[in-house]
Amino acid sequence: RIEVLRTGGLNGLQTVPWRIEGRRTSQGFSINDTMVLEGIVTIPSGQEATEIVIGLNTNDGDEIAESFDVVLLRPSGGSSLGSPARAVVTIETNGSPHGVFKFDCFSRYG
């Protein structure tokens, strides 16, 4: 969930399109990791905030952390974009993508 704030005037229904950009990871961000790539946020008159909800697809394997940007685009209804209009979202490491090292406690050496 990413909160979108509306500052200044609160008059009128406003809509703001958004999209996912700039996928970054050393092993690549899969377009299949998110359920949606763009959408529109609607903020009713008098409301100061709303949320963008981006569903994530779960992966069966271990993965390194991945990140992407959520960018607000041209709002309608006479409003304008403030700063920041870009948020970085990081999907944390899933499992142990680089392996786990441990001793075999049941081995007998002699």
N, C-alpha and C. Protein backbone atom coordinates (compact mmCIF):
# COMPACT_ATOMS: atom_id res chain seq x y z
N ARG A 1 0.84 -1.18 0.00
CA ARG A 1 0.00 0.00 0.00
C ARG A 1 0.89 1.24 0.00
N ILE A 2 0.55 2.18 -0.86
CA ILE A 2 1.29 3.42 -0.95
C ILE A 2 0.29 4.56 -0.76
N GLU A 3 0.55 5.40 0.22
CA GLU A 3 -0.37 6.50 0.48
C GLU A 3 -0.12 7.65 -0.50
N VAL A 4 -1.20 8.19 -1.05
CA VAL A 4 -1.15 9.35 -1.93
C VAL A 4 -1.82 10.50 -1.19
N LEU A 5 -1.08 11.60 -1.00
CA LEU A 5 -1.58 12.75 -0.25
C LEU A 5 -2.08 13.84 -1.18
N ARG A 6 -3.10 14.54 -0.73
CA ARG A 6 -3.64 15.69 -1.45
C ARG A 6 -3.49 16.89 -0.53
N THR A 7 -2.68 17.84 -0.92
CA THR A 7 -2.46 19.03 -0.09
C THR A 7 -3.02 20.25 -0.80
N GLY A 8 -3.10 21.34 -0.08
CA GLY A 8 -3.69 22.55 -0.66
C GLY A 8 -5.20 22.43 -0.62
N GLY A 9 -5.85 22.79 -1.69
CA GLY A 9 -7.30 22.73 -1.75
C GLY A 9 -7.83 21.31 -1.78
N LEU A 10 -9.00 21.14 -1.19
CA LEU A 10 -9.63 19.83 -1.14
C LEU A 10 -10.94 19.80 -1.92
N ASN A 11 -11.13 20.78 -2.79
CA ASN A 11 -12.39 20.89 -3.52
C ASN A 11 -12.42 19.99 -4.75
N GLY A 12 -13.54 19.38 -4.97
CA GLY A 12 -13.78 18.61 -6.18
C GLY A 12 -13.18 17.22 -6.20
N LEU A 13 -13.80 16.37 -6.98
CA LEU A 13 -13.32 15.03 -7.22
C LEU A 13 -12.08 15.12 -8.11
N GLN A 14 -11.00 14.43 -7.72
CA GLN A 14 -9.76 14.45 -8.49
C GLN A 14 -9.35 13.02 -8.82
N THR A 15 -8.78 12.84 -10.00
CA THR A 15 -8.23 11.54 -10.38
C THR A 15 -6.78 11.72 -10.78
N VAL A 16 -5.97 10.72 -10.43
CA VAL A 16 -4.54 10.76 -10.75
C VAL A 16 -4.13 9.38 -11.29
N PRO A 17 -3.74 9.31 -12.56
CA PRO A 17 -3.22 8.04 -13.07
C PRO A 17 -1.85 7.74 -12.47
N TRP A 18 -1.50 6.47 -12.38
CA TRP A 18 -0.19 6.05 -11.90
C TRP A 18 0.26 4.85 -12.71
N ARG A 19 1.59 4.60 -12.69
CA ARG A 19 2.11 3.40 -13.34
C ARG A 19 3.41 2.95 -12.68
N ILE A 20 3.74 1.70 -12.91
CA ILE A 20 4.99 1.14 -12.40
C ILE A 20 6.08 1.33 -13.45
N GLU A 21 7.24 1.82 -13.00
CA GLU A 21 8.39 2.04 -13.88
C GLU A 21 9.66 1.61 -13.19
N GLY A 22 10.74 1.58 -13.94
CA GLY A 22 12.09 1.46 -13.40
C GLY A 22 12.34 0.24 -12.55
N ARG A 23 11.99 -0.91 -13.04
CA ARG A 23 12.24 -2.14 -12.29
C ARG A 23 13.73 -2.35 -12.15
N ARG A 24 14.19 -2.58 -10.92
CA ARG A 24 15.63 -2.70 -10.67
C ARG A 24 15.95 -3.91 -9.79
N THR A 25 16.88 -4.70 -10.25
CA THR A 25 17.48 -5.77 -9.46
C THR A 25 18.64 -6.32 -10.27
N SER A 26 19.59 -6.90 -9.62
CA SER A 26 20.72 -7.44 -10.37
C SER A 26 20.29 -8.63 -11.23
N GLN A 27 19.19 -9.27 -10.87
CA GLN A 27 18.73 -10.42 -11.65
C GLN A 27 17.45 -10.11 -12.41
N GLY A 28 17.01 -8.85 -12.40
CA GLY A 28 15.84 -8.46 -13.17
C GLY A 28 14.54 -8.61 -12.41
N PHE A 29 13.68 -7.63 -12.53
CA PHE A 29 12.35 -7.66 -11.92
C PHE A 29 11.39 -8.22 -12.94
N SER A 30 10.69 -9.25 -12.60
CA SER A 30 9.76 -9.87 -13.53
C SER A 30 8.46 -9.08 -13.56
N ILE A 31 7.99 -8.81 -14.74
CA ILE A 31 6.72 -8.11 -14.88
C ILE A 31 5.59 -8.90 -14.23
N ASN A 32 5.81 -10.18 -14.02
CA ASN A 32 4.81 -11.04 -13.39
C ASN A 32 4.80 -10.93 -11.87
N ASP A 33 5.72 -10.15 -11.28
CA ASP A 33 5.77 -10.02 -9.83
C ASP A 33 4.64 -9.15 -9.28
N THR A 34 4.07 -8.28 -10.10
CA THR A 34 2.95 -7.46 -9.66
C THR A 34 1.70 -7.85 -10.43
N MET A 35 0.55 -7.66 -9.79
CA MET A 35 -0.71 -8.02 -10.42
C MET A 35 -1.19 -6.96 -11.40
N VAL A 36 -0.80 -5.70 -11.17
CA VAL A 36 -1.19 -4.60 -12.06
C VAL A 36 0.04 -3.74 -12.34
N LEU A 37 0.05 -3.06 -13.49
CA LEU A 37 1.17 -2.19 -13.85
C LEU A 37 0.78 -0.72 -13.89
N GLU A 38 -0.52 -0.43 -13.85
CA GLU A 38 -0.98 0.95 -13.86
C GLU A 38 -2.41 1.01 -13.34
N GLY A 39 -2.83 2.22 -13.01
CA GLY A 39 -4.18 2.40 -12.50
C GLY A 39 -4.51 3.87 -12.35
N ILE A 40 -5.64 4.14 -11.74
CA ILE A 40 -6.09 5.51 -11.49
C ILE A 40 -6.56 5.61 -10.05
N VAL A 41 -6.07 6.61 -9.35
CA VAL A 41 -6.49 6.90 -7.98
C VAL A 41 -7.56 7.98 -8.04
N THR A 42 -8.66 7.77 -7.34
CA THR A 42 -9.72 8.76 -7.27
C THR A 42 -9.81 9.28 -5.84
N ILE A 43 -9.82 10.61 -5.70
CA ILE A 43 -9.91 11.24 -4.38
C ILE A 43 -11.14 12.14 -4.38
N PRO A 44 -12.13 11.81 -3.56
CA PRO A 44 -13.35 12.62 -3.51
C PRO A 44 -13.10 14.01 -2.91
N SER A 45 -14.01 14.91 -3.15
CA SER A 45 -13.94 16.26 -2.59
C SER A 45 -13.85 16.19 -1.07
N GLY A 46 -12.95 16.96 -0.48
CA GLY A 46 -12.80 17.01 0.97
C GLY A 46 -11.86 15.97 1.55
N GLN A 47 -11.44 15.00 0.76
CA GLN A 47 -10.55 13.94 1.26
C GLN A 47 -9.10 14.30 1.02
N GLU A 48 -8.24 14.06 2.04
CA GLU A 48 -6.83 14.44 1.98
C GLU A 48 -5.90 13.32 1.50
N ALA A 49 -6.32 12.08 1.56
CA ALA A 49 -5.42 10.98 1.21
C ALA A 49 -6.20 9.78 0.72
N THR A 50 -5.50 8.95 -0.02
CA THR A 50 -6.02 7.66 -0.46
C THR A 50 -4.82 6.73 -0.62
N GLU A 51 -5.05 5.51 -1.03
CA GLU A 51 -3.96 4.55 -1.18
C GLU A 51 -3.98 3.90 -2.54
N ILE A 52 -2.79 3.58 -3.02
CA ILE A 52 -2.63 2.70 -4.17
C ILE A 52 -2.27 1.34 -3.59
N VAL A 53 -3.01 0.33 -3.98
CA VAL A 53 -2.74 -1.03 -3.51
C VAL A 53 -2.21 -1.81 -4.70
N ILE A 54 -1.00 -2.32 -4.55
CA ILE A 54 -0.38 -3.11 -5.62
C ILE A 54 -0.23 -4.53 -5.10
N GLY A 55 -1.00 -5.42 -5.66
CA GLY A 55 -0.91 -6.82 -5.27
C GLY A 55 0.36 -7.45 -5.84
N LEU A 56 0.99 -8.28 -5.05
CA LEU A 56 2.21 -8.97 -5.48
C LEU A 56 1.92 -10.45 -5.67
N ASN A 57 2.45 -11.00 -6.73
CA ASN A 57 2.36 -12.44 -6.96
C ASN A 57 3.46 -13.12 -6.17
N THR A 58 3.14 -14.19 -5.50
CA THR A 58 4.14 -14.91 -4.74
C THR A 58 4.90 -15.85 -5.66
N ASN A 59 6.16 -16.03 -5.34
CA ASN A 59 7.02 -16.93 -6.11
C ASN A 59 7.37 -18.12 -5.24
N ASP A 60 7.52 -19.26 -5.86
CA ASP A 60 7.84 -20.47 -5.13
C ASP A 60 9.30 -20.53 -4.72
N GLY A 61 10.18 -19.97 -5.53
CA GLY A 61 11.61 -20.08 -5.26
C GLY A 61 12.14 -18.94 -4.43
N ASP A 62 13.40 -19.05 -4.06
CA ASP A 62 14.09 -17.99 -3.33
C ASP A 62 14.48 -16.88 -4.30
N GLU A 63 14.35 -15.64 -3.86
CA GLU A 63 14.68 -14.50 -4.72
C GLU A 63 15.38 -13.43 -3.92
N ILE A 64 16.20 -12.63 -4.63
CA ILE A 64 16.83 -11.47 -4.00
C ILE A 64 15.83 -10.32 -3.97
N ALA A 65 16.15 -9.28 -3.20
CA ALA A 65 15.26 -8.11 -3.12
C ALA A 65 15.14 -7.46 -4.49
N GLU A 66 13.95 -6.99 -4.81
CA GLU A 66 13.68 -6.32 -6.07
C GLU A 66 12.98 -5.00 -5.76
N SER A 67 13.14 -4.01 -6.62
CA SER A 67 12.43 -2.76 -6.40
C SER A 67 11.91 -2.19 -7.70
N PHE A 68 10.89 -1.37 -7.57
CA PHE A 68 10.30 -0.69 -8.72
C PHE A 68 9.76 0.65 -8.25
N ASP A 69 9.50 1.54 -9.20
CA ASP A 69 8.97 2.86 -8.89
C ASP A 69 7.48 2.90 -9.21
N VAL A 70 6.73 3.61 -8.38
CA VAL A 70 5.34 3.93 -8.69
C VAL A 70 5.32 5.43 -8.95
N VAL A 71 4.86 5.81 -10.14
CA VAL A 71 4.93 7.20 -10.58
C VAL A 71 3.52 7.75 -10.76
N LEU A 72 3.26 8.92 -10.16
CA LEU A 72 2.00 9.62 -10.39
C LEU A 72 2.12 10.41 -11.70
N LEU A 73 1.05 10.40 -12.49
CA LEU A 73 1.07 11.06 -13.79
C LEU A 73 0.16 12.28 -13.77
N ARG A 74 -0.34 12.71 -14.89
CA ARG A 74 -1.13 13.94 -15.03
C ARG A 74 -2.48 13.87 -14.31
N PRO A 75 -2.64 14.56 -13.21
CA PRO A 75 -3.94 14.55 -12.51
C PRO A 75 -5.00 15.33 -13.29
N SER A 76 -6.25 15.01 -13.04
CA SER A 76 -7.35 15.73 -13.68
C SER A 76 -8.05 16.62 -12.65
N GLY A 77 -9.02 17.37 -13.10
CA GLY A 77 -9.84 18.17 -12.20
C GLY A 77 -9.20 19.47 -11.75
N GLY A 78 -8.12 19.90 -12.43
CA GLY A 78 -7.50 21.17 -12.09
C GLY A 78 -6.37 21.07 -11.07
N SER A 79 -6.08 19.89 -10.57
CA SER A 79 -4.98 19.73 -9.61
C SER A 79 -3.66 19.57 -10.35
N SER A 80 -2.57 19.59 -9.61
CA SER A 80 -1.25 19.43 -10.21
C SER A 80 -0.42 18.47 -9.38
N LEU A 81 0.71 18.03 -9.94
CA LEU A 81 1.60 17.12 -9.22
C LEU A 81 2.53 17.91 -8.32
N GLY A 82 2.72 17.41 -7.13
CA GLY A 82 3.69 17.96 -6.21
C GLY A 82 4.93 17.07 -6.19
N SER A 83 5.77 17.31 -5.22
CA SER A 83 6.98 16.51 -5.08
C SER A 83 7.00 15.87 -3.70
N PRO A 84 7.29 14.59 -3.60
CA PRO A 84 7.67 13.69 -4.69
C PRO A 84 6.45 13.13 -5.40
N ALA A 85 6.61 12.81 -6.68
CA ALA A 85 5.57 12.16 -7.47
C ALA A 85 6.02 10.76 -7.88
N ARG A 86 7.08 10.28 -7.23
CA ARG A 86 7.64 8.95 -7.50
C ARG A 86 7.96 8.31 -6.16
N ALA A 87 7.54 7.05 -5.98
CA ALA A 87 7.85 6.31 -4.77
C ALA A 87 8.57 5.02 -5.15
N VAL A 88 9.60 4.67 -4.40
CA VAL A 88 10.32 3.42 -4.63
C VAL A 88 9.73 2.35 -3.72
N VAL A 89 9.35 1.23 -4.31
CA VAL A 89 8.80 0.10 -3.57
C VAL A 89 9.81 -1.04 -3.67
N THR A 90 10.13 -1.65 -2.53
CA THR A 90 11.07 -2.77 -2.52
C THR A 90 10.36 -4.03 -2.05
N ILE A 91 10.49 -5.08 -2.84
CA ILE A 91 10.00 -6.40 -2.44
C ILE A 91 11.18 -7.08 -1.76
N GLU A 92 11.04 -7.36 -0.50
CA GLU A 92 12.14 -7.91 0.29
C GLU A 92 12.56 -9.29 -0.19
N THR A 93 13.75 -9.68 0.20
CA THR A 93 14.29 -10.99 -0.15
C THR A 93 13.33 -12.09 0.27
N ASN A 94 13.14 -13.05 -0.60
CA ASN A 94 12.27 -14.18 -0.34
C ASN A 94 13.14 -15.42 -0.13
N GLY A 95 13.17 -15.94 1.07
CA GLY A 95 13.96 -17.13 1.34
C GLY A 95 15.43 -16.82 1.42
N SER A 96 16.24 -17.70 0.88
CA SER A 96 17.70 -17.57 0.90
C SER A 96 18.24 -17.73 -0.51
N PRO A 97 18.15 -16.67 -1.32
CA PRO A 97 18.50 -16.79 -2.73
C PRO A 97 19.95 -17.14 -3.00
N HIS A 98 20.84 -16.88 -2.06
CA HIS A 98 22.25 -17.17 -2.28
C HIS A 98 22.71 -18.42 -1.54
N GLY A 99 21.79 -19.14 -0.94
CA GLY A 99 22.12 -20.36 -0.23
C GLY A 99 22.31 -20.14 1.26
N VAL A 100 22.29 -21.20 2.00
CA VAL A 100 22.50 -21.19 3.45
C VAL A 100 23.63 -22.16 3.75
N PHE A 101 24.62 -21.71 4.47
CA PHE A 101 25.73 -22.57 4.86
C PHE A 101 25.56 -22.96 6.32
N LYS A 102 25.82 -24.23 6.61
CA LYS A 102 25.73 -24.70 7.98
C LYS A 102 26.56 -25.96 8.11
N PHE A 103 26.82 -26.35 9.34
CA PHE A 103 27.52 -27.59 9.62
C PHE A 103 26.52 -28.72 9.73
N ASP A 104 26.96 -29.88 9.32
CA ASP A 104 26.16 -31.07 9.48
C ASP A 104 26.42 -31.59 10.90
N CYS A 105 25.52 -31.32 11.79
CA CYS A 105 25.73 -31.66 13.22
C CYS A 105 25.74 -33.15 13.47
N PHE A 106 25.31 -33.93 12.52
CA PHE A 106 25.23 -35.37 12.74
C PHE A 106 26.42 -36.13 12.15
N SER A 107 27.34 -35.41 11.55
CA SER A 107 28.53 -36.07 10.99
C SER A 107 29.51 -36.37 12.11
N ARG A 108 30.21 -37.49 11.98
CA ARG A 108 31.23 -37.86 12.97
C ARG A 108 32.57 -37.94 12.26
N TYR A 109 33.45 -37.16 12.76
CA TYR A 109 34.79 -37.16 12.18
C TYR A 109 35.74 -37.72 13.21
N GLY A 110 36.69 -38.51 12.80
CA GLY A 110 37.56 -39.04 13.83
C GLY A 110 38.79 -39.57 13.35
